[in-house]
């Protein structure tokens, strides 16, 4: 199942080391909403750790260029 634009945006911020609270502030949503999007995206991608997340985001960026 593809990621939504918001899920992808949250993943990109998380890959830069931002917490759900920080992502919420950046995007103008609550921490719970940011965490919800992150959890959905991780579940869709089969990601459990932050290092897997960073690797996935980096790899997806390089494959788009």
N, C-alpha and C. Protein backbone atom coordinates (compact mmCIF):
# COMPACT_ATOMS: atom_id res chain seq x y z
N UNK A 1 0.85 -1.18 0.00
CA UNK A 1 0.00 0.00 0.00
C UNK A 1 0.89 1.25 0.00
N UNK A 2 0.68 2.18 -0.90
CA UNK A 2 1.54 3.36 -0.98
C UNK A 2 1.34 4.30 0.21
N UNK A 3 2.38 5.07 0.48
CA UNK A 3 2.31 6.05 1.56
C UNK A 3 1.52 7.27 1.10
N UNK A 4 0.85 7.89 2.07
CA UNK A 4 0.22 9.18 1.77
C UNK A 4 1.30 10.25 1.76
N UNK A 5 0.99 11.40 1.21
CA UNK A 5 1.95 12.51 1.18
C UNK A 5 2.36 12.88 2.60
N UNK A 6 1.40 12.90 3.52
CA UNK A 6 1.71 13.28 4.91
C UNK A 6 2.56 12.23 5.60
N UNK A 7 2.30 10.96 5.35
CA UNK A 7 3.13 9.91 5.93
C UNK A 7 4.57 10.03 5.44
N UNK A 8 4.73 10.27 4.15
CA UNK A 8 6.07 10.41 3.59
C UNK A 8 6.78 11.62 4.17
N UNK A 9 6.04 12.72 4.32
CA UNK A 9 6.61 13.94 4.89
C UNK A 9 7.08 13.69 6.33
N UNK A 10 6.26 13.00 7.11
CA UNK A 10 6.64 12.68 8.48
C UNK A 10 7.88 11.79 8.52
N UNK A 11 7.95 10.82 7.62
CA UNK A 11 9.12 9.95 7.55
C UNK A 11 10.38 10.73 7.23
N UNK A 12 10.27 11.68 6.31
CA UNK A 12 11.44 12.47 5.94
C UNK A 12 11.96 13.25 7.15
N UNK A 13 11.07 13.85 7.93
CA UNK A 13 11.49 14.58 9.12
C UNK A 13 12.07 13.64 10.17
N UNK A 14 11.44 12.48 10.36
CA UNK A 14 11.93 11.51 11.33
C UNK A 14 13.33 11.03 10.95
N UNK A 15 13.57 10.86 9.65
CA UNK A 15 14.88 10.42 9.18
C UNK A 15 15.95 11.47 9.47
N UNK A 16 15.53 12.71 9.64
CA UNK A 16 16.47 13.79 9.99
C UNK A 16 16.64 13.90 11.50
N UNK A 17 16.02 12.98 12.24
CA UNK A 17 16.20 12.96 13.69
C UNK A 17 15.13 13.68 14.49
N UNK A 18 14.07 14.12 13.82
CA UNK A 18 13.00 14.83 14.53
C UNK A 18 12.10 13.85 15.26
N UNK A 19 11.64 14.26 16.44
CA UNK A 19 10.69 13.45 17.21
C UNK A 19 9.28 13.71 16.69
N UNK A 20 8.34 12.88 17.13
CA UNK A 20 6.94 13.10 16.74
C UNK A 20 6.47 14.48 17.20
N UNK A 21 6.91 14.90 18.39
CA UNK A 21 6.51 16.21 18.89
C UNK A 21 7.04 17.31 17.97
N UNK A 22 8.32 17.21 17.59
CA UNK A 22 8.93 18.21 16.70
C UNK A 22 8.26 18.21 15.33
N UNK A 23 7.97 17.02 14.81
CA UNK A 23 7.30 16.92 13.51
C UNK A 23 5.93 17.58 13.58
N UNK A 24 5.23 17.33 14.67
CA UNK A 24 3.93 17.96 14.86
C UNK A 24 4.01 19.47 14.83
N UNK A 25 5.02 20.01 15.50
CA UNK A 25 5.21 21.48 15.50
C UNK A 25 5.52 21.98 14.09
N UNK A 26 6.37 21.29 13.38
CA UNK A 26 6.75 21.69 12.02
C UNK A 26 5.54 21.68 11.09
N UNK A 27 4.72 20.63 11.21
CA UNK A 27 3.60 20.45 10.28
C UNK A 27 2.30 21.09 10.77
N UNK A 28 2.31 21.59 11.99
CA UNK A 28 1.11 22.23 12.52
C UNK A 28 0.04 21.24 12.95
N UNK A 29 0.47 20.07 13.42
CA UNK A 29 -0.46 19.06 13.93
C UNK A 29 -0.02 18.66 15.33
N UNK A 30 -0.82 17.85 16.00
CA UNK A 30 -0.44 17.41 17.34
C UNK A 30 0.63 16.32 17.26
N UNK A 31 1.29 16.09 18.38
CA UNK A 31 2.28 15.02 18.46
C UNK A 31 1.62 13.69 18.14
N UNK A 32 0.42 13.50 18.65
CA UNK A 32 -0.31 12.24 18.42
C UNK A 32 -0.59 12.02 16.93
N UNK A 33 -0.95 13.09 16.22
CA UNK A 33 -1.22 12.97 14.79
C UNK A 33 0.06 12.62 14.04
N UNK A 34 1.17 13.28 14.39
CA UNK A 34 2.45 12.97 13.74
C UNK A 34 2.84 11.53 14.02
N UNK A 35 2.67 11.07 15.26
CA UNK A 35 3.01 9.70 15.62
C UNK A 35 2.13 8.71 14.86
N UNK A 36 0.86 9.06 14.69
CA UNK A 36 -0.07 8.22 13.94
C UNK A 36 0.41 8.02 12.51
N UNK A 37 0.80 9.12 11.86
CA UNK A 37 1.30 9.04 10.48
C UNK A 37 2.59 8.22 10.41
N UNK A 38 3.49 8.44 11.38
CA UNK A 38 4.74 7.68 11.40
C UNK A 38 4.48 6.19 11.59
N UNK A 39 3.58 5.86 12.52
CA UNK A 39 3.26 4.45 12.76
C UNK A 39 2.66 3.80 11.52
N UNK A 40 1.75 4.50 10.85
CA UNK A 40 1.15 3.96 9.63
C UNK A 40 2.22 3.72 8.57
N UNK A 41 3.10 4.69 8.38
CA UNK A 41 4.13 4.58 7.35
C UNK A 41 5.09 3.43 7.68
N UNK A 42 5.49 3.33 8.94
CA UNK A 42 6.40 2.25 9.32
C UNK A 42 5.75 0.90 9.10
N UNK A 43 4.48 0.78 9.44
CA UNK A 43 3.77 -0.48 9.25
C UNK A 43 3.68 -0.84 7.76
N UNK A 44 3.36 0.13 6.93
CA UNK A 44 3.27 -0.11 5.49
C UNK A 44 4.60 -0.56 4.89
N UNK A 45 5.70 0.01 5.42
CA UNK A 45 7.02 -0.27 4.87
C UNK A 45 7.73 -1.42 5.59
N UNK A 46 7.14 -1.92 6.68
CA UNK A 46 7.77 -2.99 7.43
C UNK A 46 9.00 -2.53 8.19
N UNK A 47 8.99 -1.28 8.63
CA UNK A 47 10.13 -0.68 9.33
C UNK A 47 9.87 -0.70 10.83
N UNK A 48 10.90 -1.10 11.59
CA UNK A 48 10.75 -1.10 13.05
C UNK A 48 11.74 -0.18 13.76
N UNK A 49 12.87 0.09 13.15
CA UNK A 49 13.88 0.91 13.82
C UNK A 49 14.15 2.21 13.05
N UNK A 50 14.70 3.18 13.77
CA UNK A 50 15.03 4.46 13.15
C UNK A 50 16.10 4.29 12.08
N UNK A 51 17.06 3.39 12.30
CA UNK A 51 18.11 3.20 11.30
C UNK A 51 17.53 2.63 10.00
N UNK A 52 16.55 1.72 10.11
CA UNK A 52 15.88 1.22 8.91
C UNK A 52 15.14 2.35 8.20
N UNK A 53 14.53 3.20 9.00
CA UNK A 53 13.80 4.34 8.45
C UNK A 53 14.72 5.26 7.67
N UNK A 54 15.85 5.62 8.27
CA UNK A 54 16.80 6.51 7.61
C UNK A 54 17.30 5.87 6.32
N UNK A 55 17.64 4.59 6.37
CA UNK A 55 18.13 3.90 5.16
C UNK A 55 17.06 3.91 4.07
N UNK A 56 15.82 3.69 4.44
CA UNK A 56 14.74 3.65 3.45
C UNK A 56 14.55 5.01 2.80
N UNK A 57 14.54 6.07 3.61
CA UNK A 57 14.33 7.41 3.06
C UNK A 57 15.50 7.81 2.17
N UNK A 58 16.72 7.53 2.60
CA UNK A 58 17.90 7.86 1.81
C UNK A 58 17.87 7.10 0.48
N UNK A 59 17.56 5.80 0.55
CA UNK A 59 17.50 5.00 -0.67
C UNK A 59 16.40 5.46 -1.61
N UNK A 60 15.27 5.86 -1.08
CA UNK A 60 14.18 6.31 -1.93
C UNK A 60 14.51 7.63 -2.61
N UNK A 61 15.27 8.50 -1.91
CA UNK A 61 15.68 9.76 -2.52
C UNK A 61 16.65 9.52 -3.67
N UNK A 62 17.62 8.61 -3.45
CA UNK A 62 18.61 8.38 -4.49
C UNK A 62 18.01 7.69 -5.71
N UNK A 63 16.96 6.90 -5.50
CA UNK A 63 16.34 6.23 -6.64
C UNK A 63 15.44 7.16 -7.45
N UNK A 64 15.10 8.31 -6.89
CA UNK A 64 14.26 9.26 -7.61
C UNK A 64 15.08 10.22 -8.47
N UNK A 65 16.40 10.19 -8.34
CA UNK A 65 17.24 11.12 -9.10
C UNK A 65 17.83 10.46 -10.32
